[in-house]
């Protein structure tokens, strides 16, 4: 799983109903992003909003469906 966010490509370790856990978080303000999930040969992408952005001090990131 990956999070594509303003030129960043971040690895996602876990996905929950309204959050995700990044493997290596960085500081970034709130905004829109694309979540990419690949299973076998199938890829799914959907748009999400990161209402509070990303903090390098926390792997957990709040997400909202767009």
PDB file of N, CA and C in Angstrom:
ATOM      1  N   UNK A   1       0.840  -1.173   0.000  1.00  0.00           N
ATOM      2  CA  UNK A   1       0.000   0.000   0.000  1.00  0.00           C
ATOM      3  C   UNK A   1       0.888   1.240   0.000  1.00  0.00           C
ATOM      4  N   UNK A   2       0.416   2.257  -0.680  1.00  0.00           N
ATOM      5  CA  UNK A   2       1.157   3.509  -0.753  1.00  0.00           C
ATOM      6  C   UNK A   2       0.198   4.687  -0.636  1.00  0.00           C
ATOM      7  N   UNK A   3       0.740   5.784  -0.152  1.00  0.00           N
ATOM      8  CA  UNK A   3       0.028   7.044  -0.120  1.00  0.00           C
ATOM      9  C   UNK A   3       0.789   8.014  -1.007  1.00  0.00           C
ATOM     10  N   UNK A   4       0.128   8.520  -2.030  1.00  0.00           N
ATOM     11  CA  UNK A   4       0.724   9.500  -2.932  1.00  0.00           C
ATOM     12  C   UNK A   4       0.197  10.863  -2.521  1.00  0.00           C
ATOM     13  N   UNK A   5       1.122  11.747  -2.113  1.00  0.00           N
ATOM     14  CA  UNK A   5       0.715  13.002  -1.502  1.00  0.00           C
ATOM     15  C   UNK A   5       1.700  14.092  -1.888  1.00  0.00           C
ATOM     16  N   UNK A   6       1.297  14.977  -2.811  1.00  0.00           N
ATOM     17  CA  UNK A   6       2.129  16.119  -3.217  1.00  0.00           C
ATOM     18  C   UNK A   6       3.578  15.733  -3.490  1.00  0.00           C
ATOM     19  N   UNK A   7       3.813  14.928  -4.480  1.00  0.00           N
ATOM     20  CA  UNK A   7       5.149  14.491  -4.902  1.00  0.00           C
ATOM     21  C   UNK A   7       5.787  13.467  -3.958  1.00  0.00           C
ATOM     22  N   UNK A   8       5.117  13.101  -2.876  1.00  0.00           N
ATOM     23  CA  UNK A   8       5.648  12.091  -1.958  1.00  0.00           C
ATOM     24  C   UNK A   8       5.014  10.737  -2.251  1.00  0.00           C
ATOM     25  N   UNK A   9       5.769   9.683  -2.082  1.00  0.00           N
ATOM     26  CA  UNK A   9       5.281   8.320  -2.203  1.00  0.00           C
ATOM     27  C   UNK A   9       5.645   7.622  -0.897  1.00  0.00           C
ATOM     28  N   UNK A  10       4.646   7.445  -0.014  1.00  0.00           N
ATOM     29  CA  UNK A  10       4.875   6.945   1.336  1.00  0.00           C
ATOM     30  C   UNK A  10       4.295   5.542   1.495  1.00  0.00           C
ATOM     31  N   UNK A  11       5.045   4.644   2.103  1.00  0.00           N
ATOM     32  CA  UNK A  11       4.578   3.276   2.341  1.00  0.00           C
ATOM     33  C   UNK A  11       3.597   3.240   3.499  1.00  0.00           C
ATOM     34  N   UNK A  12       2.489   2.526   3.282  1.00  0.00           N
ATOM     35  CA  UNK A  12       1.449   2.367   4.298  1.00  0.00           C
ATOM     36  C   UNK A  12       1.552   0.961   4.864  1.00  0.00           C
ATOM     37  N   UNK A  13       1.636   0.866   6.181  1.00  0.00           N
ATOM     38  CA  UNK A  13       1.748  -0.431   6.831  1.00  0.00           C
ATOM     39  C   UNK A  13       0.414  -1.027   7.238  1.00  0.00           C
ATOM     40  N   UNK A  14      -0.571  -0.167   7.499  1.00  0.00           N
ATOM     41  CA  UNK A  14      -1.877  -0.629   7.970  1.00  0.00           C
ATOM     42  C   UNK A  14      -2.933   0.377   7.540  1.00  0.00           C
ATOM     43  N   UNK A  15      -4.120  -0.131   7.207  1.00  0.00           N
ATOM     44  CA  UNK A  15      -5.233   0.719   6.798  1.00  0.00           C
ATOM     45  C   UNK A  15      -6.431   0.407   7.672  1.00  0.00           C
ATOM     46  N   UNK A  16      -6.992   1.430   8.296  1.00  0.00           N
ATOM     47  CA  UNK A  16      -8.188   1.280   9.107  1.00  0.00           C
ATOM     48  C   UNK A  16      -9.349   2.023   8.467  1.00  0.00           C
ATOM     49  N   UNK A  17     -10.509   2.060   9.144  1.00  0.00           N
ATOM     50  CA  UNK A  17     -11.688   2.709   8.543  1.00  0.00           C
ATOM     51  C   UNK A  17     -11.539   4.223   8.381  1.00  0.00           C
ATOM     52  N   UNK A  18     -10.802   4.872   9.255  1.00  0.00           N
ATOM     53  CA  UNK A  18     -10.649   6.331   9.161  1.00  0.00           C
ATOM     54  C   UNK A  18      -9.216   6.772   9.478  1.00  0.00           C
ATOM     55  N   UNK A  19      -8.275   5.851   9.297  1.00  0.00           N
ATOM     56  CA  UNK A  19      -6.864   6.166   9.551  1.00  0.00           C
ATOM     57  C   UNK A  19      -5.989   5.209   8.758  1.00  0.00           C
ATOM     58  N   UNK A  20      -4.726   5.568   8.659  1.00  0.00           N
ATOM     59  CA  UNK A  20      -3.727   4.645   8.133  1.00  0.00           C
ATOM     60  C   UNK A  20      -2.468   4.823   8.968  1.00  0.00           C
ATOM     61  N   UNK A  21      -1.602   3.829   8.897  1.00  0.00           N
ATOM     62  CA  UNK A  21      -0.343   3.865   9.622  1.00  0.00           C
ATOM     63  C   UNK A  21       0.782   3.872   8.586  1.00  0.00           C
ATOM     64  N   UNK A  22       1.586   4.926   8.624  1.00  0.00           N
ATOM     65  CA  UNK A  22       2.712   5.036   7.701  1.00  0.00           C
ATOM     66  C   UNK A  22       3.929   4.321   8.262  1.00  0.00           C
ATOM     67  N   UNK A  23       4.727   3.744   7.390  1.00  0.00           N
ATOM     68  CA  UNK A  23       5.960   3.096   7.834  1.00  0.00           C
ATOM     69  C   UNK A  23       7.007   4.128   8.228  1.00  0.00           C
ATOM     70  N   UNK A  24       7.119   5.219   7.455  1.00  0.00           N
ATOM     71  CA  UNK A  24       8.097   6.271   7.721  1.00  0.00           C
ATOM     72  C   UNK A  24       7.435   7.638   7.554  1.00  0.00           C
ATOM     73  N   UNK A  25       6.784   8.153   8.599  1.00  0.00           N
ATOM     74  CA  UNK A  25       6.067   9.429   8.473  1.00  0.00           C
ATOM     75  C   UNK A  25       7.005  10.622   8.310  1.00  0.00           C
ATOM     76  N   UNK A  26       6.482  11.658   7.692  1.00  0.00           N
ATOM     77  CA  UNK A  26       7.186  12.929   7.507  1.00  0.00           C
ATOM     78  C   UNK A  26       6.210  14.047   7.863  1.00  0.00           C
ATOM     79  N   UNK A  27       6.716  15.232   8.098  1.00  0.00           N
ATOM     80  CA  UNK A  27       5.836  16.371   8.345  1.00  0.00           C
ATOM     81  C   UNK A  27       5.261  16.875   7.027  1.00  0.00           C
ATOM     82  N   UNK A  28       3.934  17.050   6.998  1.00  0.00           N
ATOM     83  CA  UNK A  28       3.283  17.589   5.808  1.00  0.00           C
ATOM     84  C   UNK A  28       1.917  18.132   6.217  1.00  0.00           C
ATOM     85  N   UNK A  29       1.526  19.303   5.701  1.00  0.00           N
ATOM     86  CA  UNK A  29       0.228  19.871   6.065  1.00  0.00           C
ATOM     87  C   UNK A  29      -0.939  19.088   5.459  1.00  0.00           C
ATOM     88  N   UNK A  30      -2.133  19.419   5.894  1.00  0.00           N
ATOM     89  CA  UNK A  30      -3.363  18.789   5.416  1.00  0.00           C
ATOM     90  C   UNK A  30      -3.507  18.951   3.911  1.00  0.00           C
ATOM     91  N   UNK A  31      -4.245  18.028   3.292  1.00  0.00           N
ATOM     92  CA  UNK A  31      -4.486  18.115   1.853  1.00  0.00           C
ATOM     93  C   UNK A  31      -5.095  16.837   1.318  1.00  0.00           C
ATOM     94  N   UNK A  32      -5.217  16.785  -0.002  1.00  0.00           N
ATOM     95  CA  UNK A  32      -5.772  15.623  -0.690  1.00  0.00           C
ATOM     96  C   UNK A  32      -4.645  14.690  -1.112  1.00  0.00           C
ATOM     97  N   UNK A  33      -4.942  13.382  -1.123  1.00  0.00           N
ATOM     98  CA  UNK A  33      -3.948  12.379  -1.477  1.00  0.00           C
ATOM     99  C   UNK A  33      -4.622  11.225  -2.203  1.00  0.00           C
ATOM    100  N   UNK A  34      -3.808  10.334  -2.740  1.00  0.00           N
ATOM    101  CA  UNK A  34      -4.300   9.120  -3.389  1.00  0.00           C
ATOM    102  C   UNK A  34      -3.768   7.923  -2.623  1.00  0.00           C
ATOM    103  N   UNK A  35      -4.663   7.022  -2.257  1.00  0.00           N
ATOM    104  CA  UNK A  35      -4.288   5.777  -1.594  1.00  0.00           C
ATOM    105  C   UNK A  35      -4.261   4.687  -2.649  1.00  0.00           C
ATOM    106  N   UNK A  36      -3.159   3.943  -2.714  1.00  0.00           N
ATOM    107  CA  UNK A  36      -2.983   2.892  -3.710  1.00  0.00           C
ATOM    108  C   UNK A  36      -2.834   1.563  -2.979  1.00  0.00           C
ATOM    109  N   UNK A  37      -3.683   0.594  -3.334  1.00  0.00           N
ATOM    110  CA  UNK A  37      -3.607  -0.750  -2.751  1.00  0.00           C
ATOM    111  C   UNK A  37      -3.434  -1.739  -3.896  1.00  0.00           C
ATOM    112  N   UNK A  38      -2.397  -2.568  -3.804  1.00  0.00           N
ATOM    113  CA  UNK A  38      -2.137  -3.598  -4.813  1.00  0.00           C
ATOM    114  C   UNK A  38      -2.238  -4.966  -4.150  1.00  0.00           C
ATOM    115  N   UNK A  39      -3.080  -5.817  -4.732  1.00  0.00           N
ATOM    116  CA  UNK A  39      -3.208  -7.196  -4.275  1.00  0.00           C
ATOM    117  C   UNK A  39      -3.059  -8.078  -5.500  1.00  0.00           C
ATOM    118  N   UNK A  40      -2.057  -8.942  -5.475  1.00  0.00           N
ATOM    119  CA  UNK A  40      -1.703  -9.762  -6.625  1.00  0.00           C
ATOM    120  C   UNK A  40      -1.478  -8.841  -7.824  1.00  0.00           C
ATOM    121  N   UNK A  41      -2.244  -8.989  -8.881  1.00  0.00           N
ATOM    122  CA  UNK A  41      -2.074  -8.165 -10.079  1.00  0.00           C
ATOM    123  C   UNK A  41      -3.131  -7.071 -10.186  1.00  0.00           C
ATOM    124  N   UNK A  42      -3.884  -6.852  -9.121  1.00  0.00           N
ATOM    125  CA  UNK A  42      -4.959  -5.867  -9.144  1.00  0.00           C
ATOM    126  C   UNK A  42      -4.571  -4.647  -8.319  1.00  0.00           C
ATOM    127  N   UNK A  43      -4.776  -3.481  -8.903  1.00  0.00           N
ATOM    128  CA  UNK A  43      -4.474  -2.228  -8.210  1.00  0.00           C
ATOM    129  C   UNK A  43      -5.763  -1.418  -8.071  1.00  0.00           C
ATOM    130  N   UNK A  44      -5.959  -0.873  -6.889  1.00  0.00           N
ATOM    131  CA  UNK A  44      -7.113  -0.005  -6.638  1.00  0.00           C
ATOM    132  C   UNK A  44      -6.593   1.317  -6.097  1.00  0.00           C
ATOM    133  N   UNK A  45      -7.146   2.422  -6.606  1.00  0.00           N
ATOM    134  CA  UNK A  45      -6.774   3.758  -6.154  1.00  0.00           C
ATOM    135  C   UNK A  45      -8.030   4.507  -5.764  1.00  0.00           C
ATOM    136  N   UNK A  46      -7.929   5.277  -4.688  1.00  0.00           N
ATOM    137  CA  UNK A  46      -9.020   6.183  -4.363  1.00  0.00           C
ATOM    138  C   UNK A  46      -8.488   7.427  -3.679  1.00  0.00           C
ATOM    139  N   UNK A  47      -9.261   8.490  -3.848  1.00  0.00           N
ATOM    140  CA  UNK A  47      -8.896   9.798  -3.316  1.00  0.00           C
ATOM    141  C   UNK A  47      -9.313   9.888  -1.854  1.00  0.00           C
ATOM    142  N   UNK A  48      -8.435  10.407  -1.028  1.00  0.00           N
ATOM    143  CA  UNK A  48      -8.730  10.629   0.388  1.00  0.00           C
ATOM    144  C   UNK A  48      -8.287  12.044   0.755  1.00  0.00           C
ATOM    145  N   UNK A  49      -8.790  12.511   1.860  1.00  0.00           N
ATOM    146  CA  UNK A  49      -8.370  13.799   2.425  1.00  0.00           C
ATOM    147  C   UNK A  49      -7.645  13.505   3.723  1.00  0.00           C
ATOM    148  N   UNK A  50      -6.530  14.192   3.936  1.00  0.00           N
ATOM    149  CA  UNK A  50      -5.796  14.098   5.197  1.00  0.00           C
ATOM    150  C   UNK A  50      -6.116  15.380   5.966  1.00  0.00           C
ATOM    151  N   UNK A  51      -7.151  15.359   6.821  1.00  0.00           N
ATOM    152  CA  UNK A  51      -7.640  16.590   7.454  1.00  0.00           C
ATOM    153  C   UNK A  51      -6.648  17.245   8.409  1.00  0.00           C
ATOM    154  N   UNK A  52      -5.761  16.456   8.989  1.00  0.00           N
ATOM    155  CA  UNK A  52      -4.786  17.023   9.930  1.00  0.00           C
ATOM    156  C   UNK A  52      -3.354  16.903   9.413  1.00  0.00           C
ATOM    157  N   UNK A  53      -3.203  16.466   8.167  1.00  0.00           N
ATOM    158  CA  UNK A  53      -1.875  16.317   7.594  1.00  0.00           C
ATOM    159  C   UNK A  53      -1.132  15.135   8.191  1.00  0.00           C
ATOM    160  N   UNK A  54       0.194  15.179   8.075  1.00  0.00           N
ATOM    161  CA  UNK A  54       1.058  14.112   8.581  1.00  0.00           C
ATOM    162  C   UNK A  54       2.077  14.729   9.530  1.00  0.00           C
ATOM    163  N   UNK A  55       2.331  14.041  10.635  1.00  0.00           N
ATOM    164  CA  UNK A  55       3.357  14.467  11.579  1.00  0.00           C
ATOM    165  C   UNK A  55       4.467  13.427  11.607  1.00  0.00           C
ATOM    166  N   UNK A  56       5.698  13.859  11.516  1.00  0.00           N
ATOM    167  CA  UNK A  56       6.828  12.938  11.566  1.00  0.00           C
ATOM    168  C   UNK A  56       6.919  12.221  12.913  1.00  0.00           C
ATOM    169  N   UNK A  57       6.262  12.753  13.928  1.00  0.00           N
ATOM    170  CA  UNK A  57       6.325  12.154  15.264  1.00  0.00           C
ATOM    171  C   UNK A  57       5.246  11.097  15.508  1.00  0.00           C
ATOM    172  N   UNK A  58       4.366  10.852  14.521  1.00  0.00           N
ATOM    173  CA  UNK A  58       3.304   9.857  14.687  1.00  0.00           C
ATOM    174  C   UNK A  58       3.095   9.103  13.385  1.00  0.00           C
ATOM    175  N   UNK A  59       3.048   7.789  13.466  1.00  0.00           N
ATOM    176  CA  UNK A  59       2.800   6.963  12.272  1.00  0.00           C
ATOM    177  C   UNK A  59       1.329   6.991  11.869  1.00  0.00           C
ATOM    178  N   UNK A  60       0.435   7.310  12.805  1.00  0.00           N
ATOM    179  CA  UNK A  60      -1.008   7.282  12.545  1.00  0.00           C
ATOM    180  C   UNK A  60      -1.431   8.581  11.850  1.00  0.00           C
ATOM    181  N   UNK A  61      -2.200   8.431  10.762  1.00  0.00           N
ATOM    182  CA  UNK A  61      -2.669   9.582   9.976  1.00  0.00           C
ATOM    183  C   UNK A  61      -4.178   9.437   9.774  1.00  0.00           C
ATOM    184  N   UNK A  62      -4.924  10.471  10.139  1.00  0.00           N
ATOM    185  CA  UNK A  62      -6.372  10.477   9.933  1.00  0.00           C
ATOM    186  C   UNK A  62      -6.668  10.652   8.447  1.00  0.00           C
ATOM    187  N   UNK A  63      -7.673   9.887   7.955  1.00  0.00           N
ATOM    188  CA  UNK A  63      -8.096  10.028   6.559  1.00  0.00           C
ATOM    189  C   UNK A  63      -9.612  10.169   6.509  1.00  0.00           C
ATOM    190  N   UNK A  64     -10.083  10.834   5.456  1.00  0.00           N
ATOM    191  CA  UNK A  64     -11.504  10.958   5.172  1.00  0.00           C
ATOM    192  C   UNK A  64     -11.707  10.632   3.701  1.00  0.00           C
ATOM    193  N   UNK A  65     -12.821   9.974   3.382  1.00  0.00           N
ATOM    194  CA  UNK A  65     -13.145   9.745   1.972  1.00  0.00           C
ATOM    195  C   UNK A  65     -13.472  11.049   1.301  1.00  0.00           C
ATOM    196  N   UNK A  66     -13.095  11.160   0.036  1.00  0.00           N
ATOM    197  CA  UNK A  66     -13.419  12.351  -0.755  1.00  0.00           C
ATOM    198  C   UNK A  66     -14.616  12.086  -1.608  1.00  0.00           C
TER     199      UNK A  66
END
